[in-house]
């Protein structure tokens, strides 16, 4: 598993975030199919030579965002069906709404934002 997840110690993101983002990417791309059993916290921490608490935090956040489900005594598994994609859509929509509010505070109107969205779509 460790070759699939890469840690860059020069990256400004915390290590747990890099682990989480790596798994999100693998899950959303289909590289890790629904039902796939993730390595244990200890296994992954050992293979990446990082603290197990770091992996635990990444797994906890992945579970909170419905990318994975943890079964006591059995391990952590990629969620079934479209749950991971739905979780990502929800996360992105929340980030989008925060961005819209920030742009509005900077004087950009919603109509200007709508125009920008239409331009991005190729619609005039």
PDB file of N, CA and C in Angstrom:
ATOM      1  N   UNK A   1       0.823  -1.200   0.000  1.00  0.00           N
ATOM      2  CA  UNK A   1       0.000   0.000   0.000  1.00  0.00           C
ATOM      3  C   UNK A   1       0.860   1.253   0.000  1.00  0.00           C
ATOM      4  N   UNK A   2       1.964   1.259   0.687  1.00  0.00           N
ATOM      5  CA  UNK A   2       2.740   2.487   0.801  1.00  0.00           C
ATOM      6  C   UNK A   2       3.162   3.078  -0.546  1.00  0.00           C
ATOM      7  N   UNK A   3       3.439   2.259  -1.595  1.00  0.00           N
ATOM      8  CA  UNK A   3       3.775   2.890  -2.868  1.00  0.00           C
ATOM      9  C   UNK A   3       2.615   3.716  -3.442  1.00  0.00           C
ATOM     10  N   UNK A   4       1.371   3.428  -3.039  1.00  0.00           N
ATOM     11  CA  UNK A   4       0.238   4.189  -3.541  1.00  0.00           C
ATOM     12  C   UNK A   4       0.089   5.529  -2.839  1.00  0.00           C
ATOM     13  N   UNK A   5       0.533   5.612  -1.601  1.00  0.00           N
ATOM     14  CA  UNK A   5       0.461   6.841  -0.823  1.00  0.00           C
ATOM     15  C   UNK A   5       1.873   7.386  -0.689  1.00  0.00           C
ATOM     16  N   UNK A   6       2.058   8.623  -1.086  1.00  0.00           N
ATOM     17  CA  UNK A   6       3.375   9.243  -1.008  1.00  0.00           C
ATOM     18  C   UNK A   6       3.327  10.405  -0.028  1.00  0.00           C
ATOM     19  N   UNK A   7       4.317  10.463   0.830  1.00  0.00           N
ATOM     20  CA  UNK A   7       4.446  11.551   1.783  1.00  0.00           C
ATOM     21  C   UNK A   7       5.576  12.453   1.312  1.00  0.00           C
ATOM     22  N   UNK A   8       5.289  13.735   1.208  1.00  0.00           N
ATOM     23  CA  UNK A   8       6.291  14.716   0.833  1.00  0.00           C
ATOM     24  C   UNK A   8       6.538  15.607   2.048  1.00  0.00           C
ATOM     25  N   UNK A   9       7.669  15.457   2.677  1.00  0.00           N
ATOM     26  CA  UNK A   9       7.962  16.195   3.894  1.00  0.00           C
ATOM     27  C   UNK A   9       8.204  17.676   3.634  1.00  0.00           C
ATOM     28  N   UNK A  10       8.305  18.068   2.383  1.00  0.00           N
ATOM     29  CA  UNK A  10       8.446  19.489   2.027  1.00  0.00           C
ATOM     30  C   UNK A  10       7.095  20.130   1.724  1.00  0.00           C
ATOM     31  N   UNK A  11       6.063  19.306   1.625  1.00  0.00           N
ATOM     32  CA  UNK A  11       4.707  19.789   1.370  1.00  0.00           C
ATOM     33  C   UNK A  11       4.238  20.603   2.573  1.00  0.00           C
ATOM     34  N   UNK A  12       3.549  21.698   2.317  1.00  0.00           N
ATOM     35  CA  UNK A  12       3.067  22.536   3.419  1.00  0.00           C
ATOM     36  C   UNK A  12       1.891  21.903   4.157  1.00  0.00           C
ATOM     37  N   UNK A  13       1.228  20.922   3.525  1.00  0.00           N
ATOM     38  CA  UNK A  13       0.102  20.254   4.181  1.00  0.00           C
ATOM     39  C   UNK A  13       0.604  19.324   5.280  1.00  0.00           C
ATOM     40  N   UNK A  14      -0.168  19.213   6.364  1.00  0.00           N
ATOM     41  CA  UNK A  14       0.212  18.240   7.398  1.00  0.00           C
ATOM     42  C   UNK A  14       0.233  16.824   6.814  1.00  0.00           C
ATOM     43  N   UNK A  15       1.005  15.955   7.435  1.00  0.00           N
ATOM     44  CA  UNK A  15       1.151  14.585   6.931  1.00  0.00           C
ATOM     45  C   UNK A  15      -0.185  13.856   6.917  1.00  0.00           C
ATOM     46  N   UNK A  16      -1.000  14.009   7.986  1.00  0.00           N
ATOM     47  CA  UNK A  16      -2.294  13.319   7.996  1.00  0.00           C
ATOM     48  C   UNK A  16      -3.141  13.758   6.810  1.00  0.00           C
ATOM     49  N   UNK A  17      -3.047  15.044   6.417  1.00  0.00           N
ATOM     50  CA  UNK A  17      -3.812  15.553   5.286  1.00  0.00           C
ATOM     51  C   UNK A  17      -3.317  14.936   3.979  1.00  0.00           C
ATOM     52  N   UNK A  18      -2.022  14.745   3.866  1.00  0.00           N
ATOM     53  CA  UNK A  18      -1.468  14.101   2.673  1.00  0.00           C
ATOM     54  C   UNK A  18      -1.956  12.662   2.566  1.00  0.00           C
ATOM     55  N   UNK A  19      -1.994  11.959   3.703  1.00  0.00           N
ATOM     56  CA  UNK A  19      -2.489  10.578   3.714  1.00  0.00           C
ATOM     57  C   UNK A  19      -3.959  10.565   3.326  1.00  0.00           C
ATOM     58  N   UNK A  20      -4.738  11.432   3.943  1.00  0.00           N
ATOM     59  CA  UNK A  20      -6.178  11.515   3.655  1.00  0.00           C
ATOM     60  C   UNK A  20      -6.403  11.839   2.179  1.00  0.00           C
ATOM     61  N   UNK A  21      -5.713  12.872   1.673  1.00  0.00           N
ATOM     62  CA  UNK A  21      -5.874  13.264   0.271  1.00  0.00           C
ATOM     63  C   UNK A  21      -5.477  12.138  -0.676  1.00  0.00           C
ATOM     64  N   UNK A  22      -4.414  11.417  -0.312  1.00  0.00           N
ATOM     65  CA  UNK A  22      -3.974  10.299  -1.141  1.00  0.00           C
ATOM     66  C   UNK A  22      -5.046   9.225  -1.245  1.00  0.00           C
ATOM     67  N   UNK A  23      -5.655   8.882  -0.108  1.00  0.00           N
ATOM     68  CA  UNK A  23      -6.721   7.882  -0.132  1.00  0.00           C
ATOM     69  C   UNK A  23      -7.959   8.394  -0.864  1.00  0.00           C
ATOM     70  N   UNK A  24      -8.301   9.665  -0.665  1.00  0.00           N
ATOM     71  CA  UNK A  24      -9.454  10.234  -1.374  1.00  0.00           C
ATOM     72  C   UNK A  24      -9.273  10.090  -2.880  1.00  0.00           C
ATOM     73  N   UNK A  25      -8.087  10.435  -3.342  1.00  0.00           N
ATOM     74  CA  UNK A  25      -7.785  10.347  -4.765  1.00  0.00           C
ATOM     75  C   UNK A  25      -7.905   8.906  -5.274  1.00  0.00           C
ATOM     76  N   UNK A  26      -7.366   7.973  -4.513  1.00  0.00           N
ATOM     77  CA  UNK A  26      -7.416   6.563  -4.909  1.00  0.00           C
ATOM     78  C   UNK A  26      -8.849   6.030  -4.911  1.00  0.00           C
ATOM     79  N   UNK A  27      -9.635   6.455  -3.942  1.00  0.00           N
ATOM     80  CA  UNK A  27     -11.027   5.993  -3.855  1.00  0.00           C
ATOM     81  C   UNK A  27     -11.851   6.582  -4.984  1.00  0.00           C
ATOM     82  N   UNK A  28     -11.748   7.896  -5.195  1.00  0.00           N
ATOM     83  CA  UNK A  28     -12.556   8.553  -6.224  1.00  0.00           C
ATOM     84  C   UNK A  28     -12.166   8.121  -7.633  1.00  0.00           C
ATOM     85  N   UNK A  29     -10.903   7.762  -7.832  1.00  0.00           N
ATOM     86  CA  UNK A  29     -10.462   7.321  -9.161  1.00  0.00           C
ATOM     87  C   UNK A  29     -10.858   5.872  -9.440  1.00  0.00           C
ATOM     88  N   UNK A  30     -11.273   5.153  -8.382  1.00  0.00           N
ATOM     89  CA  UNK A  30     -11.632   3.756  -8.555  1.00  0.00           C
ATOM     90  C   UNK A  30     -10.459   2.809  -8.351  1.00  0.00           C
ATOM     91  N   UNK A  31      -9.277   3.354  -8.073  1.00  0.00           N
ATOM     92  CA  UNK A  31      -8.112   2.501  -7.830  1.00  0.00           C
ATOM     93  C   UNK A  31      -8.319   1.631  -6.590  1.00  0.00           C
ATOM     94  N   UNK A  32      -9.074   2.147  -5.626  1.00  0.00           N
ATOM     95  CA  UNK A  32      -9.477   1.355  -4.460  1.00  0.00           C
ATOM     96  C   UNK A  32     -10.987   1.156  -4.567  1.00  0.00           C
ATOM     97  N   UNK A  33     -11.429  -0.038  -4.914  1.00  0.00           N
ATOM     98  CA  UNK A  33     -12.855  -0.281  -5.141  1.00  0.00           C
ATOM     99  C   UNK A  33     -13.648  -0.354  -3.838  1.00  0.00           C
ATOM    100  N   UNK A  34     -14.969  -0.183  -3.921  1.00  0.00           N
ATOM    101  CA  UNK A  34     -15.811  -0.340  -2.734  1.00  0.00           C
ATOM    102  C   UNK A  34     -15.567  -1.697  -2.077  1.00  0.00           C
ATOM    103  N   UNK A  35     -15.472  -1.667  -0.747  1.00  0.00           N
ATOM    104  CA  UNK A  35     -15.234  -2.896  -0.001  1.00  0.00           C
ATOM    105  C   UNK A  35     -13.769  -3.224   0.209  1.00  0.00           C
ATOM    106  N   UNK A  36     -12.877  -2.493  -0.454  1.00  0.00           N
ATOM    107  CA  UNK A  36     -11.444  -2.735  -0.313  1.00  0.00           C
ATOM    108  C   UNK A  36     -11.030  -2.503   1.134  1.00  0.00           C
ATOM    109  N   UNK A  37     -10.257  -3.441   1.687  1.00  0.00           N
ATOM    110  CA  UNK A  37      -9.795  -3.325   3.069  1.00  0.00           C
ATOM    111  C   UNK A  37      -8.499  -2.529   3.096  1.00  0.00           C
ATOM    112  N   UNK A  38      -8.516  -1.417   3.817  1.00  0.00           N
ATOM    113  CA  UNK A  38      -7.331  -0.597   3.963  1.00  0.00           C
ATOM    114  C   UNK A  38      -6.354  -1.266   4.926  1.00  0.00           C
ATOM    115  N   UNK A  39      -5.076  -0.955   4.781  1.00  0.00           N
ATOM    116  CA  UNK A  39      -4.112  -1.527   5.732  1.00  0.00           C
ATOM    117  C   UNK A  39      -4.417  -1.015   7.143  1.00  0.00           C
ATOM    118  N   UNK A  40      -4.031  -1.788   8.132  1.00  0.00           N
ATOM    119  CA  UNK A  40      -4.252  -1.350   9.510  1.00  0.00           C
ATOM    120  C   UNK A  40      -3.436  -0.089   9.767  1.00  0.00           C
ATOM    121  N   UNK A  41      -3.828   0.634  10.783  1.00  0.00           N
ATOM    122  CA  UNK A  41      -3.105   1.846  11.165  1.00  0.00           C
ATOM    123  C   UNK A  41      -1.633   1.527  11.395  1.00  0.00           C
ATOM    124  N   UNK A  42      -1.384   0.474  12.129  1.00  0.00           N
ATOM    125  CA  UNK A  42       0.003   0.102  12.456  1.00  0.00           C
ATOM    126  C   UNK A  42       0.783  -0.272  11.194  1.00  0.00           C
ATOM    127  N   UNK A  43       0.170  -1.069  10.308  1.00  0.00           N
ATOM    128  CA  UNK A  43       0.852  -1.473   9.067  1.00  0.00           C
ATOM    129  C   UNK A  43       1.237  -0.258   8.223  1.00  0.00           C
ATOM    130  N   UNK A  44       0.270   0.641   8.031  1.00  0.00           N
ATOM    131  CA  UNK A  44       0.528   1.800   7.179  1.00  0.00           C
ATOM    132  C   UNK A  44       1.546   2.736   7.823  1.00  0.00           C
ATOM    133  N   UNK A  45       1.435   2.936   9.128  1.00  0.00           N
ATOM    134  CA  UNK A  45       2.391   3.798   9.830  1.00  0.00           C
ATOM    135  C   UNK A  45       3.800   3.244   9.702  1.00  0.00           C
ATOM    136  N   UNK A  46       3.936   1.942   9.835  1.00  0.00           N
ATOM    137  CA  UNK A  46       5.250   1.304   9.713  1.00  0.00           C
ATOM    138  C   UNK A  46       5.788   1.446   8.296  1.00  0.00           C
ATOM    139  N   UNK A  47       4.949   1.181   7.294  1.00  0.00           N
ATOM    140  CA  UNK A  47       5.434   1.239   5.911  1.00  0.00           C
ATOM    141  C   UNK A  47       5.789   2.664   5.479  1.00  0.00           C
ATOM    142  N   UNK A  48       5.101   3.671   6.053  1.00  0.00           N
ATOM    143  CA  UNK A  48       5.399   5.064   5.710  1.00  0.00           C
ATOM    144  C   UNK A  48       6.383   5.699   6.694  1.00  0.00           C
ATOM    145  N   UNK A  49       6.740   4.949   7.726  1.00  0.00           N
ATOM    146  CA  UNK A  49       7.610   5.420   8.817  1.00  0.00           C
ATOM    147  C   UNK A  49       7.118   6.742   9.409  1.00  0.00           C
ATOM    148  N   UNK A  50       5.840   6.742   9.772  1.00  0.00           N
ATOM    149  CA  UNK A  50       5.262   7.898  10.455  1.00  0.00           C
ATOM    150  C   UNK A  50       4.483   7.410  11.674  1.00  0.00           C
ATOM    151  N   UNK A  51       4.112   8.331  12.526  1.00  0.00           N
ATOM    152  CA  UNK A  51       3.425   8.021  13.770  1.00  0.00           C
ATOM    153  C   UNK A  51       2.042   7.420  13.500  1.00  0.00           C
ATOM    154  N   UNK A  52       1.674   6.343  14.190  1.00  0.00           N
ATOM    155  CA  UNK A  52       0.341   5.756  14.009  1.00  0.00           C
ATOM    156  C   UNK A  52      -0.807   6.737  14.291  1.00  0.00           C
ATOM    157  N   UNK A  53      -0.587   7.690  15.197  1.00  0.00           N
ATOM    158  CA  UNK A  53      -1.630   8.683  15.473  1.00  0.00           C
ATOM    159  C   UNK A  53      -1.959   9.519  14.242  1.00  0.00           C
ATOM    160  N   UNK A  54      -0.964   9.719  13.402  1.00  0.00           N
ATOM    161  CA  UNK A  54      -1.156  10.467  12.160  1.00  0.00           C
ATOM    162  C   UNK A  54      -2.091   9.698  11.230  1.00  0.00           C
ATOM    163  N   UNK A  55      -1.860   8.406  11.103  1.00  0.00           N
ATOM    164  CA  UNK A  55      -2.715   7.563  10.265  1.00  0.00           C
ATOM    165  C   UNK A  55      -4.118   7.493  10.861  1.00  0.00           C
ATOM    166  N   UNK A  56      -4.190   7.352  12.173  1.00  0.00           N
ATOM    167  CA  UNK A  56      -5.489   7.279  12.852  1.00  0.00           C
ATOM    168  C   UNK A  56      -6.313   8.534  12.573  1.00  0.00           C
ATOM    169  N   UNK A  57      -5.670   9.697  12.601  1.00  0.00           N
ATOM    170  CA  UNK A  57      -6.391  10.944  12.323  1.00  0.00           C
ATOM    171  C   UNK A  57      -6.891  10.969  10.878  1.00  0.00           C
ATOM    172  N   UNK A  58      -6.054  10.548   9.949  1.00  0.00           N
ATOM    173  CA  UNK A  58      -6.467  10.510   8.540  1.00  0.00           C
ATOM    174  C   UNK A  58      -7.649   9.563   8.359  1.00  0.00           C
ATOM    175  N   UNK A  59      -7.581   8.378   8.952  1.00  0.00           N
ATOM    176  CA  UNK A  59      -8.678   7.409   8.848  1.00  0.00           C
ATOM    177  C   UNK A  59      -9.952   7.958   9.491  1.00  0.00           C
ATOM    178  N   UNK A  60      -9.811   8.609  10.645  1.00  0.00           N
ATOM    179  CA  UNK A  60     -10.982   9.170  11.332  1.00  0.00           C
ATOM    180  C   UNK A  60     -11.680  10.205  10.443  1.00  0.00           C
ATOM    181  N   UNK A  61     -10.896  11.072   9.810  1.00  0.00           N
ATOM    182  CA  UNK A  61     -11.487  12.083   8.932  1.00  0.00           C
ATOM    183  C   UNK A  61     -12.090  11.451   7.675  1.00  0.00           C
ATOM    184  N   UNK A  62     -11.431  10.445   7.133  1.00  0.00           N
ATOM    185  CA  UNK A  62     -11.995   9.740   5.984  1.00  0.00           C
ATOM    186  C   UNK A  62     -13.336   9.108   6.343  1.00  0.00           C
ATOM    187  N   UNK A  63     -13.432   8.587   7.551  1.00  0.00           N
ATOM    188  CA  UNK A  63     -14.687   7.975   7.992  1.00  0.00           C
ATOM    189  C   UNK A  63     -15.757   9.038   8.213  1.00  0.00           C
ATOM    190  N   UNK A  64     -15.392  10.161   8.817  1.00  0.00           N
ATOM    191  CA  UNK A  64     -16.353  11.242   9.047  1.00  0.00           C
ATOM    192  C   UNK A  64     -16.908  11.777   7.734  1.00  0.00           C
ATOM    193  N   UNK A  65     -16.106  11.720   6.689  1.00  0.00           N
ATOM    194  CA  UNK A  65     -16.526  12.230   5.377  1.00  0.00           C
ATOM    195  C   UNK A  65     -17.096  11.128   4.479  1.00  0.00           C
ATOM    196  N   UNK A  66     -17.317   9.947   5.042  1.00  0.00           N
ATOM    197  CA  UNK A  66     -17.958   8.822   4.356  1.00  0.00           C
ATOM    198  C   UNK A  66     -17.175   8.224   3.192  1.00  0.00           C
ATOM    199  N   UNK A  67     -15.852   8.348   3.247  1.00  0.00           N
ATOM    200  CA  UNK A  67     -15.029   7.672   2.247  1.00  0.00           C
ATOM    201  C   UNK A  67     -14.782   6.229   2.666  1.00  0.00           C
ATOM    202  N   UNK A  68     -14.652   6.024   3.976  1.00  0.00           N
ATOM    203  CA  UNK A  68     -14.404   4.676   4.491  1.00  0.00           C
ATOM    204  C   UNK A  68     -15.337   4.403   5.659  1.00  0.00           C
ATOM    205  N   UNK A  69     -15.437   3.133   6.009  1.00  0.00           N
ATOM    206  CA  UNK A  69     -16.188   2.722   7.194  1.00  0.00           C
ATOM    207  C   UNK A  69     -15.290   1.783   7.990  1.00  0.00           C
ATOM    208  N   UNK A  70     -15.282   1.983   9.306  1.00  0.00           N
ATOM    209  CA  UNK A  70     -14.479   1.119  10.169  1.00  0.00           C
ATOM    210  C   UNK A  70     -15.382   0.131  10.874  1.00  0.00           C
ATOM    211  N   UNK A  71     -14.985  -1.124  10.847  1.00  0.00           N
ATOM    212  CA  UNK A  71     -15.737  -2.191  11.510  1.00  0.00           C
ATOM    213  C   UNK A  71     -14.867  -2.690  12.659  1.00  0.00           C
ATOM    214  N   UNK A  72     -15.324  -2.504  13.900  1.00  0.00           N
ATOM    215  CA  UNK A  72     -14.505  -2.932  15.037  1.00  0.00           C
ATOM    216  C   UNK A  72     -14.085  -4.398  14.919  1.00  0.00           C
ATOM    217  N   UNK A  73     -12.798  -4.627  15.117  1.00  0.00           N
ATOM    218  CA  UNK A  73     -12.252  -5.978  15.057  1.00  0.00           C
ATOM    219  C   UNK A  73     -11.991  -6.490  13.653  1.00  0.00           C
ATOM    220  N   UNK A  74     -12.436  -5.763  12.626  1.00  0.00           N
ATOM    221  CA  UNK A  74     -12.266  -6.223  11.240  1.00  0.00           C
ATOM    222  C   UNK A  74     -11.384  -5.297  10.416  1.00  0.00           C
ATOM    223  N   UNK A  75     -11.453  -3.990  10.663  1.00  0.00           N
ATOM    224  CA  UNK A  75     -10.628  -3.047   9.913  1.00  0.00           C
ATOM    225  C   UNK A  75     -11.439  -1.942   9.278  1.00  0.00           C
ATOM    226  N   UNK A  76     -10.790  -1.218   8.392  1.00  0.00           N
ATOM    227  CA  UNK A  76     -11.407  -0.101   7.678  1.00  0.00           C
ATOM    228  C   UNK A  76     -11.557  -0.467   6.207  1.00  0.00           C
ATOM    229  N   UNK A  77     -12.711  -0.114   5.648  1.00  0.00           N
ATOM    230  CA  UNK A  77     -13.058  -0.501   4.283  1.00  0.00           C
ATOM    231  C   UNK A  77     -13.553   0.701   3.499  1.00  0.00           C
ATOM    232  N   UNK A  78     -13.282   0.699   2.185  1.00  0.00           N
ATOM    233  CA  UNK A  78     -13.807   1.734   1.301  1.00  0.00           C
ATOM    234  C   UNK A  78     -15.326   1.595   1.260  1.00  0.00           C
ATOM    235  N   UNK A  79     -16.014   2.725   1.368  1.00  0.00           N
ATOM    236  CA  UNK A  79     -17.480   2.704   1.382  1.00  0.00           C
ATOM    237  C   UNK A  79     -18.046   2.152   0.085  1.00  0.00           C
ATOM    238  N   UNK A  80     -19.213   1.572   0.204  1.00  0.00           N
ATOM    239  CA  UNK A  80     -19.907   0.984  -0.935  1.00  0.00           C
ATOM    240  C   UNK A  80     -20.568   2.067  -1.782  1.00  0.00           C
ATOM    241  N   UNK A  81     -20.756   1.744  -3.047  1.00  0.00           N
ATOM    242  CA  UNK A  81     -21.532   2.588  -3.943  1.00  0.00           C
ATOM    243  C   UNK A  81     -20.944   3.970  -4.146  1.00  0.00           C
ATOM    244  N   UNK A  82     -21.851   4.945  -4.209  1.00  0.00           N
ATOM    245  CA  UNK A  82     -21.512   6.308  -4.576  1.00  0.00           C
ATOM    246  C   UNK A  82     -21.251   7.193  -3.359  1.00  0.00           C
ATOM    247  N   UNK A  83     -21.126   6.598  -2.170  1.00  0.00           N
ATOM    248  CA  UNK A  83     -20.972   7.396  -0.958  1.00  0.00           C
ATOM    249  C   UNK A  83     -19.743   8.292  -0.999  1.00  0.00           C
ATOM    250  N   UNK A  84     -18.623   7.779  -1.472  1.00  0.00           N
ATOM    251  CA  UNK A  84     -17.391   8.562  -1.504  1.00  0.00           C
ATOM    252  C   UNK A  84     -17.528   9.753  -2.445  1.00  0.00           C
ATOM    253  N   UNK A  85     -18.088   9.530  -3.619  1.00  0.00           N
ATOM    254  CA  UNK A  85     -18.269  10.628  -4.571  1.00  0.00           C
ATOM    255  C   UNK A  85     -19.251  11.659  -4.017  1.00  0.00           C
ATOM    256  N   UNK A  86     -20.307  11.191  -3.372  1.00  0.00           N
ATOM    257  CA  UNK A  86     -21.282  12.103  -2.780  1.00  0.00           C
ATOM    258  C   UNK A  86     -20.626  12.921  -1.667  1.00  0.00           C
ATOM    259  N   UNK A  87     -19.792  12.294  -0.860  1.00  0.00           N
ATOM    260  CA  UNK A  87     -19.092  13.000   0.216  1.00  0.00           C
ATOM    261  C   UNK A  87     -18.181  14.075  -0.366  1.00  0.00           C
ATOM    262  N   UNK A  88     -17.476  13.742  -1.438  1.00  0.00           N
ATOM    263  CA  UNK A  88     -16.578  14.718  -2.070  1.00  0.00           C
ATOM    264  C   UNK A  88     -17.363  15.879  -2.661  1.00  0.00           C
ATOM    265  N   UNK A  89     -18.494  15.586  -3.312  1.00  0.00           N
ATOM    266  CA  UNK A  89     -19.331  16.654  -3.862  1.00  0.00           C
ATOM    267  C   UNK A  89     -19.775  17.601  -2.759  1.00  0.00           C
ATOM    268  N   UNK A  90     -20.216  17.029  -1.637  1.00  0.00           N
ATOM    269  CA  UNK A  90     -20.676  17.837  -0.517  1.00  0.00           C
ATOM    270  C   UNK A  90     -19.545  18.710   0.027  1.00  0.00           C
ATOM    271  N   UNK A  91     -18.373  18.115   0.173  1.00  0.00           N
ATOM    272  CA  UNK A  91     -17.206  18.865   0.664  1.00  0.00           C
ATOM    273  C   UNK A  91     -16.876  20.020  -0.271  1.00  0.00           C
ATOM    274  N   UNK A  92     -16.878  19.768  -1.577  1.00  0.00           N
ATOM    275  CA  UNK A  92     -16.555  20.809  -2.544  1.00  0.00           C
ATOM    276  C   UNK A  92     -17.616  21.904  -2.571  1.00  0.00           C
ATOM    277  N   UNK A  93     -18.879  21.522  -2.440  1.00  0.00           N
ATOM    278  CA  UNK A  93     -19.948  22.526  -2.410  1.00  0.00           C
ATOM    279  C   UNK A  93     -19.827  23.421  -1.178  1.00  0.00           C
ATOM    280  N   UNK A  94     -19.455  22.842  -0.050  1.00  0.00           N
ATOM    281  CA  UNK A  94     -19.255  23.649   1.161  1.00  0.00           C
ATOM    282  C   UNK A  94     -18.093  24.615   0.966  1.00  0.00           C
ATOM    283  N   UNK A  95     -17.011  24.144   0.368  1.00  0.00           N
ATOM    284  CA  UNK A  95     -15.864  25.017   0.094  1.00  0.00           C
ATOM    285  C   UNK A  95     -16.246  26.110  -0.894  1.00  0.00           C
ATOM    286  N   UNK A  96     -17.054  25.747  -1.888  1.00  0.00           N
ATOM    287  CA  UNK A  96     -17.507  26.709  -2.893  1.00  0.00           C
ATOM    288  C   UNK A  96     -18.327  27.813  -2.232  1.00  0.00           C
ATOM    289  N   UNK A  97     -19.231  27.431  -1.337  1.00  0.00           N
ATOM    290  CA  UNK A  97     -20.075  28.421  -0.660  1.00  0.00           C
ATOM    291  C   UNK A  97     -19.222  29.378   0.174  1.00  0.00           C
ATOM    292  N   UNK A  98     -18.208  28.856   0.853  1.00  0.00           N
ATOM    293  CA  UNK A  98     -17.301  29.721   1.629  1.00  0.00           C
ATOM    294  C   UNK A  98     -16.565  30.688   0.701  1.00  0.00           C
ATOM    295  N   UNK A  99     -16.145  30.183  -0.445  1.00  0.00           N
ATOM    296  CA  UNK A  99     -15.441  31.012  -1.410  1.00  0.00           C
ATOM    297  C   UNK A  99     -16.358  32.110  -1.952  1.00  0.00           C
ATOM    298  N   UNK A 100     -17.598  31.754  -2.247  1.00  0.00           N
ATOM    299  CA  UNK A 100     -18.566  32.744  -2.736  1.00  0.00           C
ATOM    300  C   UNK A 100     -18.749  33.844  -1.697  1.00  0.00           C
ATOM    301  N   UNK A 101     -18.904  33.474  -0.442  1.00  0.00           N
ATOM    302  CA  UNK A 101     -19.080  34.474   0.618  1.00  0.00           C
ATOM    303  C   UNK A 101     -17.863  35.383   0.729  1.00  0.00           C
ATOM    304  N   UNK A 102     -16.677  34.794   0.632  1.00  0.00           N
ATOM    305  CA  UNK A 102     -15.459  35.599   0.703  1.00  0.00           C
ATOM    306  C   UNK A 102     -15.369  36.557  -0.480  1.00  0.00           C
ATOM    307  N   UNK A 103     -15.699  36.082  -1.676  1.00  0.00           N
ATOM    308  CA  UNK A 103     -15.681  36.951  -2.852  1.00  0.00           C
ATOM    309  C   UNK A 103     -16.706  38.079  -2.721  1.00  0.00           C
ATOM    310  N   UNK A 104     -17.865  37.773  -2.155  1.00  0.00           N
ATOM    311  CA  UNK A 104     -18.876  38.813  -1.939  1.00  0.00           C
ATOM    312  C   UNK A 104     -18.359  39.870  -0.963  1.00  0.00           C
ATOM    313  N   UNK A 105     -17.649  39.447   0.062  1.00  0.00           N
ATOM    314  CA  UNK A 105     -17.073  40.393   1.016  1.00  0.00           C
ATOM    315  C   UNK A 105     -16.037  41.297   0.355  1.00  0.00           C
ATOM    316  N   UNK A 106     -15.449  40.805  -0.719  1.00  0.00           N
ATOM    317  CA  UNK A 106     -14.463  41.582  -1.467  1.00  0.00           C
ATOM    318  C   UNK A 106     -15.098  42.410  -2.585  1.00  0.00           C
ATOM    319  N   UNK A 107     -16.433  42.404  -2.636  1.00  0.00           N
ATOM    320  CA  UNK A 107     -17.132  43.267  -3.588  1.00  0.00           C
ATOM    321  C   UNK A 107     -17.555  42.616  -4.887  1.00  0.00           C
ATOM    322  N   UNK A 108     -17.421  41.314  -5.008  1.00  0.00           N
ATOM    323  CA  UNK A 108     -17.854  40.611  -6.216  1.00  0.00           C
ATOM    324  C   UNK A 108     -19.314  40.198  -6.017  1.00  0.00           C
ATOM    325  N   UNK A 109     -20.169  40.579  -6.968  1.00  0.00           N
ATOM    326  CA  UNK A 109     -21.588  40.246  -6.840  1.00  0.00           C
ATOM    327  C   UNK A 109     -21.858  38.827  -7.328  1.00  0.00           C
ATOM    328  N   UNK A 110     -22.988  38.299  -6.901  1.00  0.00           N
ATOM    329  CA  UNK A 110     -23.371  36.954  -7.368  1.00  0.00           C
ATOM    330  C   UNK A 110     -23.600  36.942  -8.872  1.00  0.00           C
ATOM    331  N   UNK A 111     -24.092  38.046  -9.419  1.00  0.00           N
ATOM    332  CA  UNK A 111     -24.291  38.081 -10.874  1.00  0.00           C
ATOM    333  C   UNK A 111     -22.941  38.034 -11.602  1.00  0.00           C
ATOM    334  N   UNK A 112     -21.911  38.672 -11.032  1.00  0.00           N
ATOM    335  CA  UNK A 112     -20.570  38.574 -11.619  1.00  0.00           C
ATOM    336  C   UNK A 112     -20.052  37.138 -11.532  1.00  0.00           C
ATOM    337  N   UNK A 113     -20.329  36.492 -10.397  1.00  0.00           N
ATOM    338  CA  UNK A 113     -19.911  35.094 -10.241  1.00  0.00           C
ATOM    339  C   UNK A 113     -20.643  34.197 -11.232  1.00  0.00           C
ATOM    340  N   UNK A 114     -21.931  34.450 -11.430  1.00  0.00           N
ATOM    341  CA  UNK A 114     -22.705  33.655 -12.394  1.00  0.00           C
ATOM    342  C   UNK A 114     -22.136  33.840 -13.809  1.00  0.00           C
ATOM    343  N   UNK A 115     -21.782  35.074 -14.130  1.00  0.00           N
ATOM    344  CA  UNK A 115     -21.190  35.336 -15.444  1.00  0.00           C
ATOM    345  C   UNK A 115     -19.889  34.556 -15.608  1.00  0.00           C
ATOM    346  N   UNK A 116     -19.094  34.539 -14.556  1.00  0.00           N
ATOM    347  CA  UNK A 116     -17.825  33.809 -14.599  1.00  0.00           C
ATOM    348  C   UNK A 116     -18.069  32.310 -14.789  1.00  0.00           C
ATOM    349  N   UNK A 117     -19.080  31.777 -14.113  1.00  0.00           N
ATOM    350  CA  UNK A 117     -19.418  30.368 -14.276  1.00  0.00           C
ATOM    351  C   UNK A 117     -19.866  30.068 -15.703  1.00  0.00           C
ATOM    352  N   UNK A 118     -20.672  30.950 -16.272  1.00  0.00           N
ATOM    353  CA  UNK A 118     -21.126  30.756 -17.656  1.00  0.00           C
ATOM    354  C   UNK A 118     -19.945  30.784 -18.622  1.00  0.00           C
ATOM    355  N   UNK A 119     -18.991  31.673 -18.375  1.00  0.00           N
ATOM    356  CA  UNK A 119     -17.800  31.746 -19.242  1.00  0.00           C
ATOM    357  C   UNK A 119     -17.006  30.446 -19.163  1.00  0.00           C
ATOM    358  N   UNK A 120     -16.922  29.879 -17.991  1.00  0.00           N
ATOM    359  CA  UNK A 120     -16.202  28.625 -17.793  1.00  0.00           C
ATOM    360  C   UNK A 120     -16.878  27.460 -18.489  1.00  0.00           C
ATOM    361  N   UNK A 121     -18.180  27.559 -18.666  1.00  0.00           N
ATOM    362  CA  UNK A 121     -18.954  26.518 -19.330  1.00  0.00           C
ATOM    363  C   UNK A 121     -18.899  26.627 -20.837  1.00  0.00           C
ATOM    364  N   UNK A 122     -18.375  27.749 -21.324  1.00  0.00           N
ATOM    365  CA  UNK A 122     -18.375  27.958 -22.762  1.00  0.00           C
ATOM    366  C   UNK A 122     -19.668  28.601 -23.236  1.00  0.00           C
ATOM    367  N   UNK A 123     -20.571  28.904 -22.288  1.00  0.00           N
ATOM    368  CA  UNK A 123     -21.827  29.562 -22.625  1.00  0.00           C
ATOM    369  C   UNK A 123     -21.630  31.064 -22.551  1.00  0.00           C
ATOM    370  N   UNK A 124     -22.272  31.774 -23.391  1.00  0.00           N
ATOM    371  CA  UNK A 124     -22.167  33.233 -23.422  1.00  0.00           C
ATOM    372  C   UNK A 124     -23.446  33.862 -22.986  1.00  0.00           C
TER     373      UNK A 124
END
